[in-house]
Amino acid sequence: MTKSIVCLQPLSSQQQERIRAAAPGYTLTLANAKAPDLQLLAEAEIVIGWAKGIGETLLRPESPLRWVQTWSAGIEKLPLERFKERGILLTNASGVHAEPISAVIFGFILMFTRNLHTGVRNQLNRRWHSDGQESELTGKTAVIAGTGAIGSETARIAKAFRMKTLGISRSGQPVADFDQVMTTAELDKAVSQGDFIINTLPITDETEQLFDAKIFSAFKQGSYYINIGRGATTNTEALIAALNSGQLRGAGLDVFETEPLPEDHPLWNMEQVIITPHSAGTTDYYADRVVDIFTESLTAYLDSGTPSRNLVDYARQY
């Protein structure tokens, strides 16, 4: 019997051929995530992507589903407990986003450092003005919560700007391009040293609301907060209070507790805040990079039964 791979995302003909070449004996079929063919999915051993309304079909007792490769790094919207119960292998797209997201992070940082965000507003009003508060990055400290692919790429770029780099991770283990790595339990101590605190964390039971009023009160006076991880890692009211008090000089935000950010939300009117619509990871290289990850894991899966990249640990939720 021919085994089946179903992809719920569009792929070019070249990308499809790469997957077929890596999995002789398997069929590859593209499906529409907005109107998925449940009969097609019912026969799938491997699914790339996910969609609303397919769980009951794919997770029924007799389903041949063995492996789900997500199209995103985040997995919080998936039925993780049911995957775990069924023994489904789950891999994410971690590593796809390092280049575009680190570029957004430094876009925020450079705008704040050189006051480019106010320059754009002044241009719209035909106003020739500088308050003389422009600075530079040499000697500044970047505190990066999360030392994975995005955090590591951000640290590497920070070194090119002659910045100091301090990482935060569960283990506190050393990582290249970080001058020091501290544990999550030491977050308050770490943020007190940062000129820029950069949140790249996924959402888990441990990280939800991690950046709360207590942590913001520990921030260095006049520092900047950047969040490109997940909105629910941050208490928005505490963030706004820190901005209003001047504890934070500014914030670059790509993710929010509620998305889309409501039109009447106070963050929209704060001139020291730069907002992007959860687009930091968007890139025209996205599909190619997911296919790179998937085909490498597919080769390992066919050899050993286990994908080789980005295998999710259900206990850690990432």
C-alpha atoms as a PDB file:
ATOM      1  CA  MET A   1       0.000   0.000   0.000  1.00  0.00           C
ATOM      2  CA  THR A   2       1.355   3.460  -0.954  1.00  0.00           C
ATOM      3  CA  LYS A   3       1.996   5.679   2.031  1.00  0.00           C
ATOM      4  CA  SER A   4       0.747   9.242   2.086  1.00  0.00           C
ATOM      5  CA  ILE A   5       2.144  12.692   2.867  1.00  0.00           C
ATOM      6  CA  VAL A   6      -0.369  15.538   2.832  1.00  0.00           C
ATOM      7  CA  CYS A   7       0.770  19.180   2.875  1.00  0.00           C
ATOM      8  CA  LEU A   8      -1.706  21.856   3.926  1.00  0.00           C
ATOM      9  CA  GLN A   9       0.468  24.688   2.611  1.00  0.00           C
ATOM     10  CA  PRO A  10       1.220  25.744  -0.973  1.00  0.00           C
ATOM     11  CA  LEU A  11       4.462  24.407  -2.423  1.00  0.00           C
ATOM     12  CA  SER A  12       6.195  25.147  -5.711  1.00  0.00           C
ATOM     13  CA  SER A  13       6.737  22.295  -8.154  1.00  0.00           C
ATOM     14  CA  GLN A  14      10.433  22.299  -7.236  1.00  0.00           C
ATOM     15  CA  GLN A  15       9.650  22.051  -3.518  1.00  0.00           C
ATOM     16  CA  GLN A  16       7.237  19.187  -4.181  1.00  0.00           C
ATOM     17  CA  GLU A  17       9.878  17.332  -6.187  1.00  0.00           C
ATOM     18  CA  ARG A  18      12.379  17.663  -3.362  1.00  0.00           C
ATOM     19  CA  ILE A  19       9.952  15.993  -0.965  1.00  0.00           C
ATOM     20  CA  ARG A  20       9.039  13.240  -3.426  1.00  0.00           C
ATOM     21  CA  ALA A  21      12.723  12.547  -4.099  1.00  0.00           C
ATOM     22  CA  ALA A  22      13.366  12.185  -0.366  1.00  0.00           C
ATOM     23  CA  ALA A  23      10.449   9.765   0.117  1.00  0.00           C
ATOM     24  CA  PRO A  24      10.228   7.156  -2.652  1.00  0.00           C
ATOM     25  CA  GLY A  25       7.210   4.969  -2.063  1.00  0.00           C
ATOM     26  CA  TYR A  26       5.180   7.856  -0.623  1.00  0.00           C
ATOM     27  CA  THR A  27       2.634  10.017  -2.384  1.00  0.00           C
ATOM     28  CA  LEU A  28       2.633  13.752  -1.777  1.00  0.00           C
ATOM     29  CA  THR A  29      -0.650  15.617  -2.109  1.00  0.00           C
ATOM     30  CA  LEU A  30      -1.383  19.296  -1.518  1.00  0.00           C
ATOM     31  CA  ALA A  31      -4.574  20.162   0.350  1.00  0.00           C
ATOM     32  CA  ASN A  32      -6.361  23.431   1.053  1.00  0.00           C
ATOM     33  CA  ALA A  33      -6.058  24.385   4.724  1.00  0.00           C
ATOM     34  CA  LYS A  34      -9.190  26.537   4.496  1.00  0.00           C
ATOM     35  CA  ALA A  35     -11.288  23.675   3.092  1.00  0.00           C
ATOM     36  CA  PRO A  36      -9.338  20.480   3.886  1.00  0.00           C
ATOM     37  CA  ASP A  37     -10.238  17.192   2.224  1.00  0.00           C
ATOM     38  CA  LEU A  38     -10.935  14.995   5.267  1.00  0.00           C
ATOM     39  CA  GLN A  39     -11.016  11.802   3.224  1.00  0.00           C
ATOM     40  CA  LEU A  40      -7.539  12.555   1.922  1.00  0.00           C
ATOM     41  CA  LEU A  41      -6.269  13.380   5.403  1.00  0.00           C
ATOM     42  CA  ALA A  42      -7.793  10.206   6.822  1.00  0.00           C
ATOM     43  CA  GLU A  43      -5.167   8.208   4.902  1.00  0.00           C
ATOM     44  CA  ALA A  44      -2.153  10.356   5.750  1.00  0.00           C
ATOM     45  CA  GLU A  45       0.843   9.031   7.649  1.00  0.00           C
ATOM     46  CA  ILE A  46       2.600  12.410   7.591  1.00  0.00           C
ATOM     47  CA  VAL A  47       0.945  15.840   7.581  1.00  0.00           C
ATOM     48  CA  ILE A  48       2.735  19.109   6.903  1.00  0.00           C
ATOM     49  CA  GLY A  49       0.870  22.014   8.527  1.00  0.00           C
ATOM     50  CA  TRP A  50      -2.389  21.984  10.461  1.00  0.00           C
ATOM     51  CA  ALA A  51      -5.891  23.385  10.082  1.00  0.00           C
ATOM     52  CA  LYS A  52      -9.077  23.851  12.037  1.00  0.00           C
ATOM     53  CA  GLY A  53     -11.481  20.939  11.953  1.00  0.00           C
ATOM     54  CA  ILE A  54      -9.051  18.161  11.026  1.00  0.00           C
ATOM     55  CA  GLY A  55      -8.216  16.872  14.502  1.00  0.00           C
ATOM     56  CA  GLU A  56     -11.116  14.424  14.821  1.00  0.00           C
ATOM     57  CA  THR A  57     -10.231  12.818  11.502  1.00  0.00           C
ATOM     58  CA  LEU A  58      -6.487  12.628  12.067  1.00  0.00           C
ATOM     59  CA  LEU A  59      -6.607  11.571  15.714  1.00  0.00           C
ATOM     60  CA  ARG A  60      -9.226   8.845  15.500  1.00  0.00           C
ATOM     61  CA  PRO A  61      -8.000   5.446  16.842  1.00  0.00           C
ATOM     62  CA  GLU A  62      -7.585   3.842  13.411  1.00  0.00           C
ATOM     63  CA  SER A  63      -5.770   6.813  11.818  1.00  0.00           C
ATOM     64  CA  PRO A  64      -2.394   5.977  10.227  1.00  0.00           C
ATOM     65  CA  LEU A  65      -1.059   9.423  11.238  1.00  0.00           C
ATOM     66  CA  ARG A  66       2.425   9.116  12.678  1.00  0.00           C
ATOM     67  CA  TRP A  67       4.080  12.519  12.246  1.00  0.00           C
ATOM     68  CA  VAL A  68       3.010  16.189  12.038  1.00  0.00           C
ATOM     69  CA  GLN A  69       5.443  18.813  10.745  1.00  0.00           C
ATOM     70  CA  THR A  70       4.102  22.250  11.645  1.00  0.00           C
ATOM     71  CA  TRP A  71       4.461  25.268   9.393  1.00  0.00           C
ATOM     72  CA  SER A  72       5.262  27.494  12.392  1.00  0.00           C
ATOM     73  CA  ALA A  73       7.667  27.494  15.316  1.00  0.00           C
ATOM     74  CA  GLY A  74       4.801  27.941  17.778  1.00  0.00           C
ATOM     75  CA  ILE A  75       2.759  24.857  18.674  1.00  0.00           C
ATOM     76  CA  GLU A  76       0.472  26.237  21.382  1.00  0.00           C
ATOM     77  CA  LYS A  77      -2.660  26.038  19.226  1.00  0.00           C
ATOM     78  CA  LEU A  78      -2.279  22.318  18.512  1.00  0.00           C
ATOM     79  CA  PRO A  79      -3.974  19.540  20.540  1.00  0.00           C
ATOM     80  CA  LEU A  80      -0.729  18.592  22.267  1.00  0.00           C
ATOM     81  CA  GLU A  81      -2.240  16.277  24.885  1.00  0.00           C
ATOM     82  CA  ARG A  82      -4.007  14.239  22.229  1.00  0.00           C
ATOM     83  CA  PHE A  83      -0.825  14.075  20.151  1.00  0.00           C
ATOM     84  CA  LYS A  84       1.033  12.836  23.209  1.00  0.00           C
ATOM     85  CA  GLU A  85      -1.616  10.228  24.007  1.00  0.00           C
ATOM     86  CA  ARG A  86      -1.532   8.913  20.442  1.00  0.00           C
ATOM     87  CA  GLY A  87       2.283   8.927  20.289  1.00  0.00           C
ATOM     88  CA  ILE A  88       2.307  11.316  17.338  1.00  0.00           C
ATOM     89  CA  LEU A  89       5.731  12.691  16.474  1.00  0.00           C
ATOM     90  CA  LEU A  90       5.625  16.487  16.278  1.00  0.00           C
ATOM     91  CA  THR A  91       8.260  18.706  14.707  1.00  0.00           C
ATOM     92  CA  ASN A  92       8.103  22.473  14.333  1.00  0.00           C
ATOM     93  CA  ALA A  93       9.616  25.038  11.985  1.00  0.00           C
ATOM     94  CA  SER A  94      12.173  26.386  14.445  1.00  0.00           C
ATOM     95  CA  GLY A  95      15.136  27.811  12.537  1.00  0.00           C
ATOM     96  CA  VAL A  96      13.091  29.196   9.652  1.00  0.00           C
ATOM     97  CA  HIS A  97      12.684  32.570  11.337  1.00  0.00           C
ATOM     98  CA  ALA A  98      16.156  33.436  12.638  1.00  0.00           C
ATOM     99  CA  GLU A  99      17.190  35.702   9.748  1.00  0.00           C
ATOM    100  CA  PRO A 100      13.973  37.718   9.233  1.00  0.00           C
ATOM    101  CA  ILE A 101      13.176  38.056  12.934  1.00  0.00           C
ATOM    102  CA  SER A 102      16.696  39.110  13.932  1.00  0.00           C
ATOM    103  CA  ALA A 103      16.462  41.742  11.185  1.00  0.00           C
ATOM    104  CA  VAL A 104      13.240  43.070  12.745  1.00  0.00           C
ATOM    105  CA  ILE A 105      14.830  43.056  16.208  1.00  0.00           C
ATOM    106  CA  PHE A 106      17.690  45.206  14.954  1.00  0.00           C
ATOM    107  CA  GLY A 107      15.254  47.325  12.999  1.00  0.00           C
ATOM    108  CA  PHE A 108      13.595  48.179  16.319  1.00  0.00           C
ATOM    109  CA  ILE A 109      16.933  48.652  18.086  1.00  0.00           C
ATOM    110  CA  LEU A 110      18.380  50.962  15.432  1.00  0.00           C
ATOM    111  CA  MET A 111      15.193  53.001  15.190  1.00  0.00           C
ATOM    112  CA  PHE A 112      15.263  53.617  18.928  1.00  0.00           C
ATOM    113  CA  THR A 113      19.022  54.236  19.123  1.00  0.00           C
ATOM    114  CA  ARG A 114      19.034  56.771  16.292  1.00  0.00           C
ATOM    115  CA  ASN A 115      15.491  58.130  16.931  1.00  0.00           C
ATOM    116  CA  LEU A 116      14.415  57.091  13.439  1.00  0.00           C
ATOM    117  CA  HIS A 117      10.888  56.362  14.682  1.00  0.00           C
ATOM    118  CA  THR A 118      10.454  60.016  15.647  1.00  0.00           C
ATOM    119  CA  GLY A 119      12.179  61.053  12.426  1.00  0.00           C
ATOM    120  CA  VAL A 120       9.489  59.287  10.383  1.00  0.00           C
ATOM    121  CA  ARG A 121       6.753  61.043  12.363  1.00  0.00           C
ATOM    122  CA  ASN A 122       8.506  64.386  11.913  1.00  0.00           C
ATOM    123  CA  GLN A 123       8.767  63.781   8.172  1.00  0.00           C
ATOM    124  CA  LEU A 124       5.020  63.204   7.939  1.00  0.00           C
ATOM    125  CA  ASN A 125       4.527  66.592   9.603  1.00  0.00           C
ATOM    126  CA  ARG A 126       7.295  68.332   7.561  1.00  0.00           C
ATOM    127  CA  ARG A 127       9.077  69.080  10.834  1.00  0.00           C
ATOM    128  CA  TRP A 128      12.879  69.553  10.878  1.00  0.00           C
ATOM    129  CA  HIS A 129      13.834  68.545  14.426  1.00  0.00           C
ATOM    130  CA  SER A 130      16.174  66.453  16.539  1.00  0.00           C
ATOM    131  CA  ASP A 131      16.184  66.413  20.326  1.00  0.00           C
ATOM    132  CA  GLY A 132      19.882  65.544  20.353  1.00  0.00           C
ATOM    133  CA  GLN A 133      19.310  62.257  22.153  1.00  0.00           C
ATOM    134  CA  GLU A 134      20.687  59.961  19.427  1.00  0.00           C
ATOM    135  CA  SER A 135      23.062  57.285  20.687  1.00  0.00           C
ATOM    136  CA  GLU A 136      24.954  54.221  19.383  1.00  0.00           C
ATOM    137  CA  LEU A 137      25.200  50.537  20.179  1.00  0.00           C
ATOM    138  CA  THR A 138      28.889  50.177  21.074  1.00  0.00           C
ATOM    139  CA  GLY A 139      29.129  49.009  24.673  1.00  0.00           C
ATOM    140  CA  LYS A 140      25.372  48.616  25.120  1.00  0.00           C
ATOM    141  CA  THR A 141      24.026  45.368  26.621  1.00  0.00           C
ATOM    142  CA  ALA A 142      21.458  43.179  24.904  1.00  0.00           C
ATOM    143  CA  VAL A 143      19.654  40.790  27.253  1.00  0.00           C
ATOM    144  CA  ILE A 144      18.144  38.056  25.097  1.00  0.00           C
ATOM    145  CA  ALA A 145      15.519  35.797  26.663  1.00  0.00           C
ATOM    146  CA  GLY A 146      15.788  32.575  24.696  1.00  0.00           C
ATOM    147  CA  THR A 147      19.103  31.289  23.307  1.00  0.00           C
ATOM    148  CA  GLY A 148      17.699  29.195  20.463  1.00  0.00           C
ATOM    149  CA  ALA A 149      18.008  29.928  16.742  1.00  0.00           C
ATOM    150  CA  ILE A 150      16.533  33.443  16.896  1.00  0.00           C
ATOM    151  CA  GLY A 151      18.322  34.441  20.088  1.00  0.00           C
ATOM    152  CA  SER A 152      21.644  33.087  18.849  1.00  0.00           C
ATOM    153  CA  GLU A 153      21.408  34.910  15.512  1.00  0.00           C
ATOM    154  CA  THR A 154      20.510  38.107  17.368  1.00  0.00           C
ATOM    155  CA  ALA A 155      23.545  37.681  19.639  1.00  0.00           C
ATOM    156  CA  ARG A 156      25.805  37.105  16.634  1.00  0.00           C
ATOM    157  CA  ILE A 157      24.644  40.335  15.012  1.00  0.00           C
ATOM    158  CA  ALA A 158      24.924  42.217  18.319  1.00  0.00           C
ATOM    159  CA  LYS A 159      28.598  41.304  18.448  1.00  0.00           C
ATOM    160  CA  ALA A 160      29.092  43.014  15.076  1.00  0.00           C
ATOM    161  CA  PHE A 161      27.807  46.198  16.745  1.00  0.00           C
ATOM    162  CA  ARG A 162      30.284  45.679  19.618  1.00  0.00           C
ATOM    163  CA  MET A 163      27.482  45.056  22.095  1.00  0.00           C
ATOM    164  CA  LYS A 164      27.603  42.942  25.231  1.00  0.00           C
ATOM    165  CA  THR A 165      25.305  39.920  25.111  1.00  0.00           C
ATOM    166  CA  LEU A 166      23.568  38.262  28.039  1.00  0.00           C
ATOM    167  CA  GLY A 167      21.343  35.250  27.403  1.00  0.00           C
ATOM    168  CA  ILE A 168      18.511  33.739  29.424  1.00  0.00           C
ATOM    169  CA  SER A 169      17.614  30.045  29.174  1.00  0.00           C
ATOM    170  CA  ARG A 170      16.170  27.269  31.317  1.00  0.00           C
ATOM    171  CA  SER A 171      19.563  25.602  31.706  1.00  0.00           C
ATOM    172  CA  GLY A 172      21.916  28.574  31.762  1.00  0.00           C
ATOM    173  CA  GLN A 173      24.354  26.612  29.596  1.00  0.00           C
ATOM    174  CA  PRO A 174      26.964  28.589  27.593  1.00  0.00           C
ATOM    175  CA  VAL A 175      26.067  29.408  23.973  1.00  0.00           C
ATOM    176  CA  ALA A 176      28.263  30.892  21.241  1.00  0.00           C
ATOM    177  CA  ASP A 177      28.154  34.697  20.865  1.00  0.00           C
ATOM    178  CA  PHE A 178      26.782  35.198  24.396  1.00  0.00           C
ATOM    179  CA  ASP A 179      29.175  36.711  26.911  1.00  0.00           C
ATOM    180  CA  GLN A 180      27.131  35.073  29.655  1.00  0.00           C
ATOM    181  CA  VAL A 181      24.012  32.897  29.909  1.00  0.00           C
ATOM    182  CA  MET A 182      21.861  32.989  33.052  1.00  0.00           C
ATOM    183  CA  THR A 183      18.885  30.867  34.049  1.00  0.00           C
ATOM    184  CA  THR A 184      15.255  31.924  33.849  1.00  0.00           C
ATOM    185  CA  ALA A 185      15.225  32.045  37.649  1.00  0.00           C
ATOM    186  CA  GLU A 186      17.776  34.879  37.385  1.00  0.00           C
ATOM    187  CA  LEU A 187      15.688  36.929  34.938  1.00  0.00           C
ATOM    188  CA  ASP A 188      15.218  39.871  37.320  1.00  0.00           C
ATOM    189  CA  LYS A 189      18.966  40.119  37.862  1.00  0.00           C
ATOM    190  CA  ALA A 190      19.641  39.859  34.130  1.00  0.00           C
ATOM    191  CA  VAL A 191      17.161  42.514  32.970  1.00  0.00           C
ATOM    192  CA  SER A 192      18.637  45.037  35.419  1.00  0.00           C
ATOM    193  CA  GLN A 193      21.799  44.986  33.276  1.00  0.00           C
ATOM    194  CA  GLY A 194      20.180  45.408  29.873  1.00  0.00           C
ATOM    195  CA  ASP A 195      19.870  48.443  27.635  1.00  0.00           C
ATOM    196  CA  PHE A 196      17.712  46.300  25.342  1.00  0.00           C
ATOM    197  CA  ILE A 197      15.727  43.347  26.669  1.00  0.00           C
ATOM    198  CA  ILE A 198      14.693  41.069  23.824  1.00  0.00           C
ATOM    199  CA  ASN A 199      12.006  38.434  24.344  1.00  0.00           C
ATOM    200  CA  THR A 200      12.189  35.515  21.869  1.00  0.00           C
ATOM    201  CA  LEU A 201      10.435  32.988  24.103  1.00  0.00           C
ATOM    202  CA  PRO A 202       7.721  30.513  23.075  1.00  0.00           C
ATOM    203  CA  ILE A 203       4.549  30.303  25.130  1.00  0.00           C
ATOM    204  CA  THR A 204       4.575  27.492  27.700  1.00  0.00           C
ATOM    205  CA  ASP A 205       3.231  27.021  31.209  1.00  0.00           C
ATOM    206  CA  GLU A 206       6.584  28.384  32.469  1.00  0.00           C
ATOM    207  CA  THR A 207       6.745  31.467  30.219  1.00  0.00           C
ATOM    208  CA  GLU A 208       3.126  32.636  30.348  1.00  0.00           C
ATOM    209  CA  GLN A 209       3.043  36.150  31.895  1.00  0.00           C
ATOM    210  CA  LEU A 210       6.748  35.821  32.710  1.00  0.00           C
ATOM    211  CA  PHE A 211       7.281  39.515  32.002  1.00  0.00           C
ATOM    212  CA  ASP A 212       5.031  40.958  34.694  1.00  0.00           C
ATOM    213  CA  ALA A 213       5.068  44.032  36.928  1.00  0.00           C
ATOM    214  CA  LYS A 214       7.765  42.545  39.171  1.00  0.00           C
ATOM    215  CA  ILE A 215      10.117  41.877  36.252  1.00  0.00           C
ATOM    216  CA  PHE A 216       9.469  45.255  34.596  1.00  0.00           C
ATOM    217  CA  SER A 217      10.277  46.966  37.896  1.00  0.00           C
ATOM    218  CA  ALA A 218      13.701  45.290  37.751  1.00  0.00           C
ATOM    219  CA  PHE A 219      14.485  46.686  34.283  1.00  0.00           C
ATOM    220  CA  LYS A 220      17.268  49.221  33.989  1.00  0.00           C
ATOM    221  CA  GLN A 221      15.800  52.731  34.015  1.00  0.00           C
ATOM    222  CA  GLY A 222      15.371  53.989  30.455  1.00  0.00           C
ATOM    223  CA  SER A 223      15.861  50.611  28.789  1.00  0.00           C
ATOM    224  CA  TYR A 224      13.908  49.221  25.836  1.00  0.00           C
ATOM    225  CA  TYR A 225      11.738  46.099  25.610  1.00  0.00           C
ATOM    226  CA  ILE A 226      11.375  44.114  22.391  1.00  0.00           C
ATOM    227  CA  ASN A 227       8.946  41.212  22.076  1.00  0.00           C
ATOM    228  CA  ILE A 228       8.947  39.021  18.975  1.00  0.00           C
ATOM    229  CA  GLY A 229       8.211  35.774  20.857  1.00  0.00           C
ATOM    230  CA  ARG A 230       4.611  35.353  21.982  1.00  0.00           C
ATOM    231  CA  GLY A 231       2.261  38.009  23.314  1.00  0.00           C
ATOM    232  CA  ALA A 232       1.065  35.948  26.258  1.00  0.00           C
ATOM    233  CA  THR A 233       4.573  35.903  27.766  1.00  0.00           C
ATOM    234  CA  THR A 234       3.990  39.560  28.689  1.00  0.00           C
ATOM    235  CA  ASN A 235       1.481  41.240  30.988  1.00  0.00           C
ATOM    236  CA  THR A 236       0.333  44.104  28.772  1.00  0.00           C
ATOM    237  CA  GLU A 237      -0.958  46.293  31.608  1.00  0.00           C
ATOM    238  CA  ALA A 238       2.373  46.002  33.402  1.00  0.00           C
ATOM    239  CA  LEU A 239       4.183  46.870  30.166  1.00  0.00           C
ATOM    240  CA  ILE A 240       2.059  49.992  29.663  1.00  0.00           C
ATOM    241  CA  ALA A 241       2.647  51.041  33.271  1.00  0.00           C
ATOM    242  CA  ALA A 242       6.417  50.675  32.800  1.00  0.00           C
ATOM    243  CA  LEU A 243       6.249  52.783  29.631  1.00  0.00           C
ATOM    244  CA  ASN A 244       4.142  55.470  31.292  1.00  0.00           C
ATOM    245  CA  SER A 245       6.422  55.680  34.319  1.00  0.00           C
ATOM    246  CA  GLY A 246       9.571  56.030  32.213  1.00  0.00           C
ATOM    247  CA  GLN A 247      11.036  52.792  33.560  1.00  0.00           C
ATOM    248  CA  LEU A 248      10.991  51.792  29.899  1.00  0.00           C
ATOM    249  CA  ARG A 249      12.022  54.360  27.329  1.00  0.00           C
ATOM    250  CA  GLY A 250      10.339  52.429  24.546  1.00  0.00           C
ATOM    251  CA  ALA A 251       9.085  49.102  23.238  1.00  0.00           C
ATOM    252  CA  GLY A 252       9.201  47.324  19.886  1.00  0.00           C
ATOM    253  CA  LEU A 253       6.295  44.878  19.705  1.00  0.00           C
ATOM    254  CA  ASP A 254       5.431  42.321  17.043  1.00  0.00           C
ATOM    255  CA  VAL A 255       3.203  40.109  19.219  1.00  0.00           C
ATOM    256  CA  PHE A 256       0.380  40.840  21.644  1.00  0.00           C
ATOM    257  CA  GLU A 257      -1.883  39.118  24.145  1.00  0.00           C
ATOM    258  CA  THR A 258      -4.842  39.879  21.869  1.00  0.00           C
ATOM    259  CA  GLU A 259      -4.325  39.728  18.113  1.00  0.00           C
ATOM    260  CA  PRO A 260      -5.137  41.669  16.050  1.00  0.00           C
ATOM    261  CA  LEU A 261      -4.412  44.477  18.488  1.00  0.00           C
ATOM    262  CA  PRO A 262      -7.764  46.260  19.008  1.00  0.00           C
ATOM    263  CA  GLU A 263      -8.038  49.643  17.268  1.00  0.00           C
ATOM    264  CA  ASP A 264      -8.781  51.401  20.563  1.00  0.00           C
ATOM    265  CA  HIS A 265      -5.824  49.886  22.414  1.00  0.00           C
ATOM    266  CA  PRO A 266      -3.649  52.490  24.207  1.00  0.00           C
ATOM    267  CA  LEU A 267      -0.432  51.073  22.716  1.00  0.00           C
ATOM    268  CA  TRP A 268      -1.350  52.531  19.322  1.00  0.00           C
ATOM    269  CA  ASN A 269      -1.101  56.095  20.641  1.00  0.00           C
ATOM    270  CA  MET A 270       2.220  55.727  22.484  1.00  0.00           C
ATOM    271  CA  GLU A 271       4.934  57.494  20.491  1.00  0.00           C
ATOM    272  CA  GLN A 272       7.678  55.492  22.220  1.00  0.00           C
ATOM    273  CA  VAL A 273       6.181  52.222  20.911  1.00  0.00           C
ATOM    274  CA  ILE A 274       6.791  50.662  17.488  1.00  0.00           C
ATOM    275  CA  ILE A 275       4.189  48.099  16.407  1.00  0.00           C
ATOM    276  CA  THR A 276       4.326  45.458  13.672  1.00  0.00           C
ATOM    277  CA  PRO A 277       1.428  43.033  13.011  1.00  0.00           C
ATOM    278  CA  HIS A 278       2.994  39.687  14.021  1.00  0.00           C
ATOM    279  CA  SER A 279       4.938  39.787  10.769  1.00  0.00           C
ATOM    280  CA  ALA A 280       8.535  39.541  12.023  1.00  0.00           C
ATOM    281  CA  GLY A 281       8.924  35.974  10.765  1.00  0.00           C
ATOM    282  CA  THR A 282       7.476  36.609   7.318  1.00  0.00           C
ATOM    283  CA  THR A 283       9.916  36.051   4.470  1.00  0.00           C
ATOM    284  CA  ASP A 284       9.880  34.952   0.851  1.00  0.00           C
ATOM    285  CA  TYR A 285      12.350  32.199   1.845  1.00  0.00           C
ATOM    286  CA  TYR A 286       9.881  30.650   4.294  1.00  0.00           C
ATOM    287  CA  ALA A 287       8.636  27.652   2.305  1.00  0.00           C
ATOM    288  CA  ASP A 288      12.129  26.743   1.075  1.00  0.00           C
ATOM    289  CA  ARG A 289      13.416  26.677   4.646  1.00  0.00           C
ATOM    290  CA  VAL A 290      10.530  24.544   5.922  1.00  0.00           C
ATOM    291  CA  VAL A 291      11.158  22.092   3.076  1.00  0.00           C
ATOM    292  CA  ASP A 292      14.873  22.027   4.001  1.00  0.00           C
ATOM    293  CA  ILE A 293      13.981  21.108   7.579  1.00  0.00           C
ATOM    294  CA  PHE A 294      11.326  18.601   6.562  1.00  0.00           C
ATOM    295  CA  THR A 295      13.347  16.723   3.938  1.00  0.00           C
ATOM    296  CA  GLU A 296      16.303  16.358   6.303  1.00  0.00           C
ATOM    297  CA  SER A 297      13.998  15.008   8.994  1.00  0.00           C
ATOM    298  CA  LEU A 298      12.198  12.829   6.455  1.00  0.00           C
ATOM    299  CA  THR A 299      15.418  11.041   5.539  1.00  0.00           C
ATOM    300  CA  ALA A 300      16.051  10.295   9.212  1.00  0.00           C
ATOM    301  CA  TYR A 301      12.431   9.237   9.741  1.00  0.00           C
ATOM    302  CA  LEU A 302      12.628   6.698   6.916  1.00  0.00           C
ATOM    303  CA  ASP A 303      15.912   5.340   8.296  1.00  0.00           C
ATOM    304  CA  SER A 304      15.110   5.214  12.002  1.00  0.00           C
ATOM    305  CA  GLY A 305      11.444   6.083  12.508  1.00  0.00           C
ATOM    306  CA  THR A 306      12.273   9.426  14.155  1.00  0.00           C
ATOM    307  CA  PRO A 307      12.671  12.877  12.558  1.00  0.00           C
ATOM    308  CA  SER A 308      16.104  14.411  13.104  1.00  0.00           C
ATOM    309  CA  ARG A 309      15.229  18.117  13.491  1.00  0.00           C
ATOM    310  CA  ASN A 310      12.994  20.106  15.835  1.00  0.00           C
ATOM    311  CA  LEU A 311      11.332  17.157  17.560  1.00  0.00           C
ATOM    312  CA  VAL A 312       8.985  18.628  20.171  1.00  0.00           C
ATOM    313  CA  ASP A 313       9.291  17.518  23.791  1.00  0.00           C
ATOM    314  CA  TYR A 314       5.700  17.437  25.032  1.00  0.00           C
ATOM    315  CA  ALA A 315       6.836  17.830  28.643  1.00  0.00           C
ATOM    316  CA  ARG A 316       8.566  21.130  27.821  1.00  0.00           C
ATOM    317  CA  GLN A 317       5.958  22.214  25.249  1.00  0.00           C
ATOM    318  CA  TYR A 318       8.601  23.075  22.655  1.00  0.00           C
END
